[in-house]
Amino acid sequence: MTTIQLNAEVLRNLSVVAEDENLLKRVAKYLRKLVAEKENSTQMTKEEFYAKLERGERAYEQGECHEMLPDENLTTYLKRLGYDI
């Protein structure tokens, strides 16, 4: 579905909801929640993502990483690193 089609569908449905004040309040509350989620999103840009990968590669090359062994679970791995679990 294209953005234009989605916009048309939202507007069609909104015209039905607009006739009922209670439904309209619920829609407004949900939209505020969606906007807040988007504003608090932890997504990073492509540039940030690739920079993070490069930092990780450098750390790995310099031996600054810890490797989880194939037969380890997370608890065993963290205990091996010295965490008290």
Protein backbone atom coordinates (compact mmCIF):
# COMPACT_ATOMS: atom_id res chain seq x y z
CA MET A 1 0.00 0.00 0.00
CA THR A 2 1.40 3.40 -0.93
CA THR A 3 1.62 6.41 1.36
CA ILE A 4 -1.15 8.13 -0.60
CA GLN A 5 -3.42 5.11 -0.19
CA LEU A 6 -2.65 4.92 3.53
CA ASN A 7 -3.39 8.63 3.95
CA ALA A 8 -6.70 8.21 2.13
CA GLU A 9 -7.64 5.24 4.32
CA VAL A 10 -6.75 7.12 7.51
CA LEU A 11 -8.78 10.14 6.42
CA ARG A 12 -11.78 7.97 5.46
CA ASN A 13 -11.72 6.27 8.85
CA LEU A 14 -11.16 9.55 10.64
CA SER A 15 -14.28 11.01 9.03
CA VAL A 16 -16.29 8.17 10.59
CA VAL A 17 -14.62 8.58 14.00
CA ALA A 18 -15.09 12.37 13.94
CA GLU A 19 -18.85 11.88 14.40
CA ASP A 20 -18.35 10.31 17.85
CA GLU A 21 -16.66 12.49 20.50
CA ASN A 22 -15.61 9.53 22.67
CA LEU A 23 -13.97 7.73 19.73
CA LEU A 24 -12.30 10.95 18.69
CA LYS A 25 -10.83 11.38 22.18
CA ARG A 26 -9.49 7.81 22.07
CA VAL A 27 -7.92 8.42 18.65
CA ALA A 28 -6.33 11.66 19.86
CA LYS A 29 -4.91 9.90 22.93
CA TYR A 30 -3.50 7.08 20.78
CA LEU A 31 -1.98 9.55 18.32
CA ARG A 32 -0.26 11.41 21.17
CA LYS A 33 1.16 8.07 22.32
CA LEU A 34 2.46 7.26 18.82
CA VAL A 35 4.07 10.69 18.47
CA ALA A 36 5.76 10.33 21.87
CA GLU A 37 7.12 6.90 20.86
CA LYS A 38 8.52 8.33 17.65
CA GLU A 39 10.13 11.25 19.47
CA ASN A 40 11.72 8.86 21.98
CA SER A 41 12.81 6.42 19.30
CA THR A 42 16.26 4.92 19.72
CA GLN A 43 16.77 4.37 16.02
CA MET A 44 20.08 5.60 14.71
CA THR A 45 21.04 7.02 11.36
CA LYS A 46 23.01 4.98 8.83
CA GLU A 47 26.07 7.08 9.64
CA GLU A 48 25.73 6.36 13.37
CA PHE A 49 25.23 2.66 12.68
CA TYR A 50 28.31 2.35 10.48
CA ALA A 51 30.39 4.41 12.91
CA LYS A 52 29.37 2.06 15.71
CA LEU A 53 30.35 -0.95 13.58
CA GLU A 54 33.73 0.59 12.86
CA ARG A 55 34.34 1.26 16.57
CA GLY A 56 33.45 -2.35 17.33
CA GLU A 57 35.79 -3.64 14.63
CA ARG A 58 38.65 -1.51 15.99
CA ALA A 59 37.97 -2.73 19.53
CA TYR A 60 37.98 -6.33 18.29
CA GLU A 61 41.24 -5.84 16.40
CA GLN A 62 42.83 -4.35 19.55
CA GLY A 63 41.65 -7.28 21.68
CA GLU A 64 39.22 -5.21 23.70
CA CYS A 65 36.30 -7.60 23.21
CA HIS A 66 35.00 -10.62 25.07
CA GLU A 67 33.84 -13.64 23.14
CA MET A 68 30.94 -15.83 24.17
CA LEU A 69 31.88 -19.44 23.56
CA PRO A 70 29.57 -21.60 21.39
CA ASP A 71 28.56 -23.89 24.29
CA GLU A 72 28.01 -21.05 26.80
CA ASN A 73 24.74 -19.59 27.91
CA LEU A 74 24.46 -15.98 29.02
CA THR A 75 24.70 -16.78 32.74
CA THR A 76 27.91 -18.80 32.30
CA TYR A 77 29.39 -16.11 30.07
CA LEU A 78 28.70 -13.33 32.58
CA LYS A 79 30.07 -15.41 35.46
CA ARG A 80 33.24 -16.03 33.46
CA LEU A 81 33.61 -12.26 33.03
CA GLY A 82 33.40 -11.85 36.80
CA TYR A 83 29.82 -10.75 37.26
CA ASP A 84 28.11 -12.07 40.41
CA ILE A 85 24.87 -13.62 39.23
